[in-house]
Amino acid sequence: MDKDRMEALEQCRLMLAREGFTVSWIVGHATKRDARPPDLLASKGARLVRVFVLKEGEVDSAETRAGIRNAVRLGETRLCVPWPLRWRAISNLERWGLGGVSVSGL
């Protein structure tokens, strides 16, 4: 895993921890047939949030779209993106018809 991705994951993990969540890393990767799994799972009591941390090249990818769509079907989902990409991510969610997904800037 590259340094930028690890830094983004750590920032997102710290942000969720400040909100009172217990954060778990997801182990495993998508196969060609599967959508991208979330990067993190965050829990707070009975609340479970699936978290995707996106770098610039991932914001518009079909794999990201499929992963988010699958996660949203399962429950609360968050995207964490660097600040300059936040509005592009929000625009994609609207275009993809994925309402109710919160987007956090790192």
N, C-alpha and C. Protein backbone atom coordinates (compact mmCIF):
# COMPACT_ATOMS: atom_id res chain seq x y z
N MET A 1 0.86 -1.18 0.00
CA MET A 1 0.00 0.00 0.00
C MET A 1 0.90 1.24 0.00
N ASP A 2 0.55 2.22 -0.83
CA ASP A 2 1.41 3.39 -0.93
C ASP A 2 1.23 4.34 0.26
N LYS A 3 2.23 5.21 0.42
CA LYS A 3 2.29 6.13 1.55
C LYS A 3 1.08 7.07 1.60
N ASP A 4 0.68 7.63 0.45
CA ASP A 4 -0.46 8.56 0.42
C ASP A 4 -1.75 7.87 0.88
N ARG A 5 -1.93 6.64 0.44
CA ARG A 5 -3.14 5.90 0.82
C ARG A 5 -3.14 5.61 2.33
N MET A 6 -1.99 5.19 2.85
CA MET A 6 -1.89 4.91 4.28
C MET A 6 -2.17 6.17 5.10
N GLU A 7 -1.66 7.30 4.64
CA GLU A 7 -1.89 8.56 5.35
C GLU A 7 -3.38 8.93 5.33
N ALA A 8 -4.02 8.77 4.18
CA ALA A 8 -5.45 9.06 4.06
C ALA A 8 -6.28 8.15 4.96
N LEU A 9 -5.94 6.86 4.99
CA LEU A 9 -6.65 5.91 5.86
C LEU A 9 -6.47 6.28 7.32
N GLU A 10 -5.27 6.66 7.70
CA GLU A 10 -5.01 7.02 9.09
C GLU A 10 -5.76 8.29 9.48
N GLN A 11 -5.79 9.29 8.60
CA GLN A 11 -6.55 10.51 8.89
C GLN A 11 -8.03 10.21 9.06
N CYS A 12 -8.57 9.36 8.21
CA CYS A 12 -9.98 8.99 8.30
C CYS A 12 -10.24 8.22 9.59
N ARG A 13 -9.35 7.30 9.93
CA ARG A 13 -9.50 6.52 11.15
C ARG A 13 -9.51 7.44 12.38
N LEU A 14 -8.61 8.41 12.41
CA LEU A 14 -8.55 9.35 13.53
C LEU A 14 -9.80 10.21 13.61
N MET A 15 -10.32 10.65 12.46
CA MET A 15 -11.54 11.45 12.42
C MET A 15 -12.71 10.67 13.02
N LEU A 16 -12.84 9.40 12.62
CA LEU A 16 -13.92 8.56 13.14
C LEU A 16 -13.74 8.28 14.64
N ALA A 17 -12.50 8.06 15.07
CA ALA A 17 -12.23 7.83 16.49
C ALA A 17 -12.63 9.05 17.31
N ARG A 18 -12.38 10.26 16.79
CA ARG A 18 -12.79 11.49 17.49
C ARG A 18 -14.31 11.56 17.62
N GLU A 19 -15.02 10.95 16.68
CA GLU A 19 -16.49 10.93 16.74
C GLU A 19 -16.99 9.80 17.65
N GLY A 20 -16.08 9.04 18.24
CA GLY A 20 -16.47 7.99 19.17
C GLY A 20 -16.62 6.60 18.56
N PHE A 21 -16.18 6.43 17.32
CA PHE A 21 -16.28 5.13 16.66
C PHE A 21 -15.08 4.26 16.99
N THR A 22 -15.29 2.97 17.00
CA THR A 22 -14.21 1.99 17.01
C THR A 22 -14.01 1.60 15.56
N VAL A 23 -12.78 1.69 15.08
CA VAL A 23 -12.51 1.51 13.66
C VAL A 23 -11.73 0.22 13.43
N SER A 24 -12.18 -0.56 12.45
CA SER A 24 -11.52 -1.80 12.07
C SER A 24 -11.09 -1.71 10.62
N TRP A 25 -9.92 -2.27 10.33
CA TRP A 25 -9.43 -2.35 8.96
C TRP A 25 -10.13 -3.50 8.26
N ILE A 26 -10.39 -3.34 6.99
CA ILE A 26 -10.95 -4.41 6.17
C ILE A 26 -9.77 -5.18 5.58
N VAL A 27 -9.81 -6.50 5.73
CA VAL A 27 -8.74 -7.32 5.15
C VAL A 27 -9.31 -8.02 3.94
N GLY A 28 -8.61 -7.92 2.83
CA GLY A 28 -9.08 -8.57 1.60
C GLY A 28 -9.29 -7.55 0.51
N HIS A 29 -9.37 -8.05 -0.69
CA HIS A 29 -9.53 -7.20 -1.86
C HIS A 29 -10.62 -7.78 -2.75
N ALA A 30 -11.16 -6.94 -3.58
CA ALA A 30 -12.21 -7.39 -4.51
C ALA A 30 -11.59 -8.27 -5.58
N THR A 31 -12.36 -9.25 -6.00
CA THR A 31 -11.97 -10.03 -7.15
C THR A 31 -12.58 -9.36 -8.37
N LYS A 32 -12.29 -9.84 -9.54
CA LYS A 32 -12.84 -9.22 -10.75
C LYS A 32 -14.37 -9.22 -10.74
N ARG A 33 -14.97 -10.22 -10.10
CA ARG A 33 -16.44 -10.31 -10.10
C ARG A 33 -17.07 -9.47 -9.00
N ASP A 34 -16.30 -9.11 -7.99
CA ASP A 34 -16.85 -8.40 -6.85
C ASP A 34 -16.60 -6.90 -6.95
N ALA A 35 -17.47 -6.16 -6.29
CA ALA A 35 -17.26 -4.72 -6.19
C ALA A 35 -16.19 -4.46 -5.13
N ARG A 36 -15.60 -3.31 -5.19
CA ARG A 36 -14.58 -2.93 -4.20
C ARG A 36 -15.18 -2.93 -2.80
N PRO A 37 -14.53 -3.59 -1.84
CA PRO A 37 -15.03 -3.55 -0.47
C PRO A 37 -14.65 -2.23 0.19
N PRO A 38 -15.32 -1.86 1.28
CA PRO A 38 -14.92 -0.65 2.01
C PRO A 38 -13.50 -0.81 2.54
N ASP A 39 -12.87 0.32 2.85
CA ASP A 39 -11.52 0.29 3.42
C ASP A 39 -11.54 0.10 4.93
N LEU A 40 -12.58 0.64 5.58
CA LEU A 40 -12.69 0.59 7.03
C LEU A 40 -14.12 0.27 7.43
N LEU A 41 -14.29 -0.32 8.60
CA LEU A 41 -15.59 -0.45 9.24
C LEU A 41 -15.51 0.31 10.55
N ALA A 42 -16.50 1.14 10.81
CA ALA A 42 -16.53 1.92 12.04
C ALA A 42 -17.81 1.57 12.80
N SER A 43 -17.67 1.28 14.08
CA SER A 43 -18.85 0.93 14.87
C SER A 43 -18.93 1.83 16.10
N LYS A 44 -20.16 2.08 16.48
CA LYS A 44 -20.45 2.90 17.67
C LYS A 44 -21.77 2.36 18.20
N GLY A 45 -21.70 1.51 19.22
CA GLY A 45 -22.89 0.82 19.69
C GLY A 45 -23.39 -0.10 18.59
N ALA A 46 -24.67 0.00 18.27
CA ALA A 46 -25.24 -0.84 17.21
C ALA A 46 -25.04 -0.24 15.82
N ARG A 47 -24.48 0.95 15.75
CA ARG A 47 -24.29 1.64 14.47
C ARG A 47 -23.02 1.13 13.77
N LEU A 48 -23.14 0.74 12.52
CA LEU A 48 -22.01 0.26 11.73
C LEU A 48 -21.92 1.09 10.45
N VAL A 49 -20.76 1.65 10.20
CA VAL A 49 -20.55 2.50 9.04
C VAL A 49 -19.46 1.88 8.17
N ARG A 50 -19.73 1.75 6.88
CA ARG A 50 -18.75 1.28 5.91
C ARG A 50 -18.07 2.52 5.33
N VAL A 51 -16.74 2.52 5.30
CA VAL A 51 -15.99 3.72 4.93
C VAL A 51 -15.07 3.44 3.75
N PHE A 52 -15.18 4.29 2.73
CA PHE A 52 -14.29 4.24 1.57
C PHE A 52 -13.40 5.46 1.62
N VAL A 53 -12.11 5.26 1.51
CA VAL A 53 -11.15 6.36 1.42
C VAL A 53 -10.70 6.42 -0.04
N LEU A 54 -10.96 7.55 -0.69
CA LEU A 54 -10.71 7.66 -2.12
C LEU A 54 -9.60 8.66 -2.43
N LYS A 55 -8.69 8.23 -3.28
CA LYS A 55 -7.69 9.13 -3.84
C LYS A 55 -8.24 9.65 -5.17
N GLU A 56 -7.56 10.60 -5.76
CA GLU A 56 -8.09 11.29 -6.95
C GLU A 56 -8.51 10.33 -8.07
N GLY A 57 -7.68 9.38 -8.42
CA GLY A 57 -7.99 8.47 -9.51
C GLY A 57 -9.14 7.52 -9.22
N GLU A 58 -9.52 7.38 -7.96
CA GLU A 58 -10.59 6.46 -7.58
C GLU A 58 -11.98 7.11 -7.55
N VAL A 59 -12.03 8.42 -7.52
CA VAL A 59 -13.30 9.12 -7.33
C VAL A 59 -14.29 8.83 -8.46
N ASP A 60 -13.81 8.67 -9.68
CA ASP A 60 -14.70 8.47 -10.83
C ASP A 60 -14.73 7.04 -11.34
N SER A 61 -14.07 6.11 -10.68
CA SER A 61 -13.94 4.76 -11.24
C SER A 61 -15.22 3.93 -11.11
N ALA A 62 -15.41 3.05 -12.05
CA ALA A 62 -16.57 2.15 -12.03
C ALA A 62 -16.50 1.21 -10.83
N GLU A 63 -15.29 0.79 -10.45
CA GLU A 63 -15.12 -0.10 -9.29
C GLU A 63 -15.57 0.61 -8.01
N THR A 64 -15.21 1.88 -7.87
CA THR A 64 -15.64 2.66 -6.71
C THR A 64 -17.16 2.77 -6.69
N ARG A 65 -17.73 3.08 -7.83
CA ARG A 65 -19.19 3.23 -7.92
C ARG A 65 -19.89 1.94 -7.49
N ALA A 66 -19.43 0.80 -7.97
CA ALA A 66 -20.04 -0.48 -7.61
C ALA A 66 -19.87 -0.77 -6.13
N GLY A 67 -18.70 -0.49 -5.59
CA GLY A 67 -18.47 -0.73 -4.17
C GLY A 67 -19.35 0.12 -3.28
N ILE A 68 -19.50 1.40 -3.64
CA ILE A 68 -20.35 2.30 -2.87
C ILE A 68 -21.81 1.85 -2.96
N ARG A 69 -22.25 1.51 -4.15
CA ARG A 69 -23.64 1.06 -4.34
C ARG A 69 -23.93 -0.16 -3.46
N ASN A 70 -23.02 -1.14 -3.45
CA ASN A 70 -23.22 -2.33 -2.62
C ASN A 70 -23.23 -1.98 -1.13
N ALA A 71 -22.32 -1.11 -0.70
CA ALA A 71 -22.24 -0.74 0.70
C ALA A 71 -23.49 0.01 1.15
N VAL A 72 -24.00 0.90 0.29
CA VAL A 72 -25.20 1.67 0.64
C VAL A 72 -26.39 0.74 0.86
N ARG A 73 -26.47 -0.32 0.09
CA ARG A 73 -27.56 -1.29 0.28
C ARG A 73 -27.50 -1.94 1.66
N LEU A 74 -26.28 -2.05 2.20
CA LEU A 74 -26.11 -2.70 3.51
C LEU A 74 -26.30 -1.75 4.68
N GLY A 75 -26.23 -0.46 4.44
CA GLY A 75 -26.41 0.50 5.54
C GLY A 75 -25.57 1.74 5.36
N GLU A 76 -25.34 2.42 6.47
CA GLU A 76 -24.65 3.71 6.45
C GLU A 76 -23.26 3.58 5.83
N THR A 77 -22.96 4.50 4.93
CA THR A 77 -21.70 4.48 4.19
C THR A 77 -21.14 5.89 4.14
N ARG A 78 -19.83 6.01 4.29
CA ARG A 78 -19.18 7.31 4.18
C ARG A 78 -18.06 7.23 3.16
N LEU A 79 -17.83 8.36 2.52
CA LEU A 79 -16.68 8.52 1.65
C LEU A 79 -15.76 9.54 2.30
N CYS A 80 -14.50 9.25 2.33
CA CYS A 80 -13.52 10.23 2.80
C CYS A 80 -12.62 10.55 1.62
N VAL A 81 -12.59 11.81 1.26
CA VAL A 81 -11.80 12.24 0.11
C VAL A 81 -11.02 13.49 0.50
N PRO A 82 -9.89 13.75 -0.15
CA PRO A 82 -9.18 15.01 0.10
C PRO A 82 -10.09 16.19 -0.26
N TRP A 83 -9.92 17.28 0.43
CA TRP A 83 -10.82 18.43 0.27
C TRP A 83 -11.05 18.86 -1.18
N PRO A 84 -10.03 18.99 -2.03
CA PRO A 84 -10.32 19.47 -3.40
C PRO A 84 -11.25 18.53 -4.18
N LEU A 85 -11.34 17.27 -3.77
CA LEU A 85 -12.18 16.31 -4.51
C LEU A 85 -13.59 16.19 -3.93
N ARG A 86 -13.85 16.86 -2.83
CA ARG A 86 -15.13 16.67 -2.15
C ARG A 86 -16.32 16.96 -3.06
N TRP A 87 -16.30 18.09 -3.75
CA TRP A 87 -17.45 18.46 -4.57
C TRP A 87 -17.63 17.52 -5.76
N ARG A 88 -16.51 17.02 -6.30
CA ARG A 88 -16.62 16.06 -7.39
C ARG A 88 -17.26 14.76 -6.89
N ALA A 89 -16.90 14.33 -5.69
CA ALA A 89 -17.49 13.12 -5.11
C ALA A 89 -18.98 13.31 -4.88
N ILE A 90 -19.37 14.46 -4.35
CA ILE A 90 -20.79 14.73 -4.11
C ILE A 90 -21.55 14.73 -5.43
N SER A 91 -20.99 15.36 -6.46
CA SER A 91 -21.62 15.38 -7.78
C SER A 91 -21.79 13.97 -8.32
N ASN A 92 -20.78 13.11 -8.15
CA ASN A 92 -20.89 11.73 -8.61
C ASN A 92 -22.02 11.00 -7.89
N LEU A 93 -22.12 11.20 -6.59
CA LEU A 93 -23.17 10.51 -5.83
C LEU A 93 -24.55 10.89 -6.35
N GLU A 94 -24.75 12.15 -6.64
CA GLU A 94 -26.03 12.60 -7.20
C GLU A 94 -26.27 11.95 -8.56
N ARG A 95 -25.25 11.98 -9.42
CA ARG A 95 -25.36 11.41 -10.76
C ARG A 95 -25.62 9.91 -10.72
N TRP A 96 -25.01 9.22 -9.76
CA TRP A 96 -25.18 7.78 -9.63
C TRP A 96 -26.46 7.39 -8.92
N GLY A 97 -27.20 8.38 -8.40
CA GLY A 97 -28.45 8.08 -7.70
C GLY A 97 -28.25 7.46 -6.34
N LEU A 98 -27.16 7.84 -5.64
CA LEU A 98 -26.86 7.26 -4.34
C LEU A 98 -27.09 8.31 -3.25
N GLY A 99 -28.31 8.68 -3.02
CA GLY A 99 -28.64 9.66 -1.99
C GLY A 99 -28.40 9.11 -0.60
N GLY A 100 -28.23 10.00 0.37
CA GLY A 100 -28.09 9.59 1.75
C GLY A 100 -26.70 9.17 2.15
N VAL A 101 -25.72 9.38 1.30
CA VAL A 101 -24.34 9.02 1.62
C VAL A 101 -23.63 10.27 2.08
N SER A 102 -23.00 10.22 3.24
CA SER A 102 -22.28 11.40 3.72
C SER A 102 -20.87 11.40 3.15
N VAL A 103 -20.36 12.58 2.91
CA VAL A 103 -19.01 12.73 2.35
C VAL A 103 -18.21 13.58 3.30
N SER A 104 -17.06 13.10 3.70
CA SER A 104 -16.19 13.84 4.61
C SER A 104 -14.91 14.20 3.89
N GLY A 105 -14.44 15.42 4.09
CA GLY A 105 -13.17 15.82 3.52
C GLY A 105 -12.05 15.54 4.50
N LEU A 106 -10.91 15.13 4.00
CA LEU A 106 -9.76 14.85 4.87
C LEU A 106 -8.91 16.08 5.00
